[in-house]
Amino acid sequence: MATINVYEQYFRADCIANGVQRNAVSVLLISDSECGNIRYEVAVNFFPHNAPDDFAISYDAYHSRVVYEASGRRSKKREKELLELLPSVADELADEVQATILWDQPLIEARRG
C-alpha cells in the first residue's frame, strides 16, 4: 500500500477534545493506493499548539472521511477537484465535534506530496 499526503497544512482552530483545549488543526488530503484501487480521505487532527513553536501532534482528536474510492490510480485532475472540496469537508468534520477551523490563520505553508 502506498499512502501519500497529497496536501497538508496547519491552521489555528478552536476545539476541546478529551477535556483539553486544542488551538490548532492539521488538515490533510490523503491518498491510499493498493492493488489498482485508489482512495482519497480528508482528515483533520486537532492539537494543543500552546506556544508558537509547539507542533506536537496528538492523535486523540483525529477525524476523517473517505471522499473518493474506486479502481484506478492517482490523478492530478481528480486531486484538484478534491482539493476544492477539502475546506467544506474539513468544516463538516469540525462541526461534528463542535470545533472551528480558522482558515484565515494558517500556521505553516501548505505542503503537497
Protein backbone atom coordinates (compact mmCIF):
# COMPACT_ATOMS: atom_id res chain seq x y z
CA MET A 1 0.00 0.00 0.00
CA ALA A 2 1.24 3.48 -0.85
CA THR A 3 0.00 6.33 1.36
CA ILE A 4 0.74 9.91 0.37
CA ASN A 5 -0.24 13.20 1.97
CA VAL A 6 -1.41 14.99 -1.17
CA TYR A 7 -1.99 18.16 0.89
CA GLU A 8 -1.25 19.15 4.48
CA GLN A 9 -1.48 22.50 6.21
CA TYR A 10 -1.84 23.65 9.82
CA PHE A 11 -4.32 26.33 10.86
CA ARG A 12 -5.40 27.94 14.10
CA ALA A 13 -8.50 26.26 15.47
CA ASP A 14 -10.83 26.16 18.43
CA CYS A 15 -11.66 22.74 19.81
CA ILE A 16 -11.95 20.92 23.11
CA ALA A 17 -11.21 17.21 22.85
CA ASN A 18 -10.92 14.84 25.78
CA GLY A 19 -11.06 17.81 28.14
CA VAL A 20 -8.06 19.52 26.51
CA GLN A 21 -8.17 22.82 24.62
CA ARG A 22 -6.89 22.43 21.04
CA ASN A 23 -5.70 25.65 19.38
CA ALA A 24 -4.61 24.25 16.01
CA VAL A 25 -5.55 21.69 13.40
CA SER A 26 -3.72 19.74 10.74
CA VAL A 27 -5.85 19.49 7.60
CA LEU A 28 -4.94 16.73 5.16
CA LEU A 29 -5.93 15.15 1.86
CA ILE A 30 -4.55 11.61 1.95
CA SER A 31 -4.20 9.23 -0.97
CA ASP A 32 -4.03 5.45 -0.46
CA SER A 33 -3.45 3.10 -3.35
CA GLU A 34 -3.27 -0.66 -3.33
CA CYS A 35 -3.77 -3.35 -5.98
CA GLY A 36 -5.14 -0.98 -8.62
CA ASN A 37 -7.52 0.83 -6.26
CA ILE A 38 -7.29 4.44 -5.12
CA ARG A 39 -8.85 6.08 -2.11
CA TYR A 40 -8.79 9.71 -1.00
CA GLU A 41 -9.56 10.80 2.52
CA VAL A 42 -9.94 14.25 4.10
CA ALA A 43 -8.67 14.33 7.68
CA VAL A 44 -8.50 16.89 10.46
CA ASN A 45 -6.38 16.43 13.56
CA PHE A 46 -6.80 18.96 16.35
CA PHE A 47 -3.78 19.50 18.61
CA PRO A 48 -2.90 21.81 21.56
CA HIS A 49 -0.37 24.26 19.98
CA ASN A 50 0.23 26.06 23.28
CA ALA A 51 3.26 28.02 22.02
CA PRO A 52 4.34 29.36 18.61
CA ASP A 53 6.85 26.52 18.22
CA ASP A 54 4.60 23.78 19.68
CA PHE A 55 3.65 21.46 16.85
CA ALA A 56 3.40 18.28 18.94
CA ILE A 57 0.63 16.37 17.22
CA SER A 58 -1.65 14.26 19.38
CA TYR A 59 -3.81 11.71 17.61
CA ASP A 60 -6.74 11.57 20.03
CA ALA A 61 -8.67 14.25 18.11
CA TYR A 62 -8.31 12.81 14.60
CA HIS A 63 -11.37 12.67 12.35
CA SER A 64 -11.58 11.66 8.70
CA ARG A 65 -13.93 10.90 5.84
CA VAL A 66 -13.33 9.00 2.61
CA VAL A 67 -14.26 11.33 -0.25
CA TYR A 68 -13.37 9.11 -3.23
CA GLU A 69 -12.76 5.40 -3.71
CA ALA A 70 -12.57 3.47 -6.99
CA SER A 71 -10.35 1.36 -9.16
CA GLY A 72 -7.59 3.36 -10.81
CA ARG A 73 -4.64 5.44 -9.74
CA ARG A 74 -3.74 8.99 -8.71
CA SER A 75 -4.96 11.74 -11.00
CA LYS A 76 -3.89 15.40 -10.88
CA LYS A 77 -7.31 16.42 -12.25
CA ARG A 78 -9.14 14.44 -9.54
CA GLU A 79 -6.83 15.77 -6.83
CA LYS A 80 -7.51 19.33 -7.96
CA GLU A 81 -11.26 18.69 -7.68
CA LEU A 82 -10.87 17.09 -4.25
CA LEU A 83 -8.73 20.00 -3.02
CA GLU A 84 -11.60 22.32 -3.92
CA LEU A 85 -13.93 20.19 -1.75
CA LEU A 86 -11.43 19.91 1.11
CA PRO A 87 -12.45 23.04 3.10
CA SER A 88 -16.15 22.13 3.16
CA VAL A 89 -15.50 18.51 4.15
CA ALA A 90 -13.00 19.60 6.82
CA ASP A 91 -15.55 22.09 8.17
CA GLU A 92 -18.19 19.32 8.32
CA LEU A 93 -15.77 17.11 10.28
CA ALA A 94 -15.02 20.01 12.63
CA ASP A 95 -18.72 20.77 13.10
CA GLU A 96 -19.33 17.15 14.15
CA VAL A 97 -17.06 17.72 17.18
CA GLN A 98 -18.12 21.35 17.84
CA ALA A 99 -14.80 22.69 16.56
CA THR A 100 -13.86 25.59 14.30
CA ILE A 101 -11.06 25.81 11.74
CA LEU A 102 -9.74 29.36 11.31
CA TRP A 103 -8.90 29.18 7.59
CA ASP A 104 -7.64 32.77 7.53
CA GLN A 105 -4.96 31.95 10.14
CA PRO A 106 -2.53 29.41 8.65
CA LEU A 107 0.36 28.33 10.88
CA ILE A 108 2.55 26.86 8.12
CA GLU A 109 2.64 26.94 4.35
CA ALA A 110 0.76 24.17 2.56
CA ARG A 111 2.77 21.02 1.88
CA ARG A 112 1.99 18.95 -1.20
CA GLY A 113 3.09 15.40 -1.90
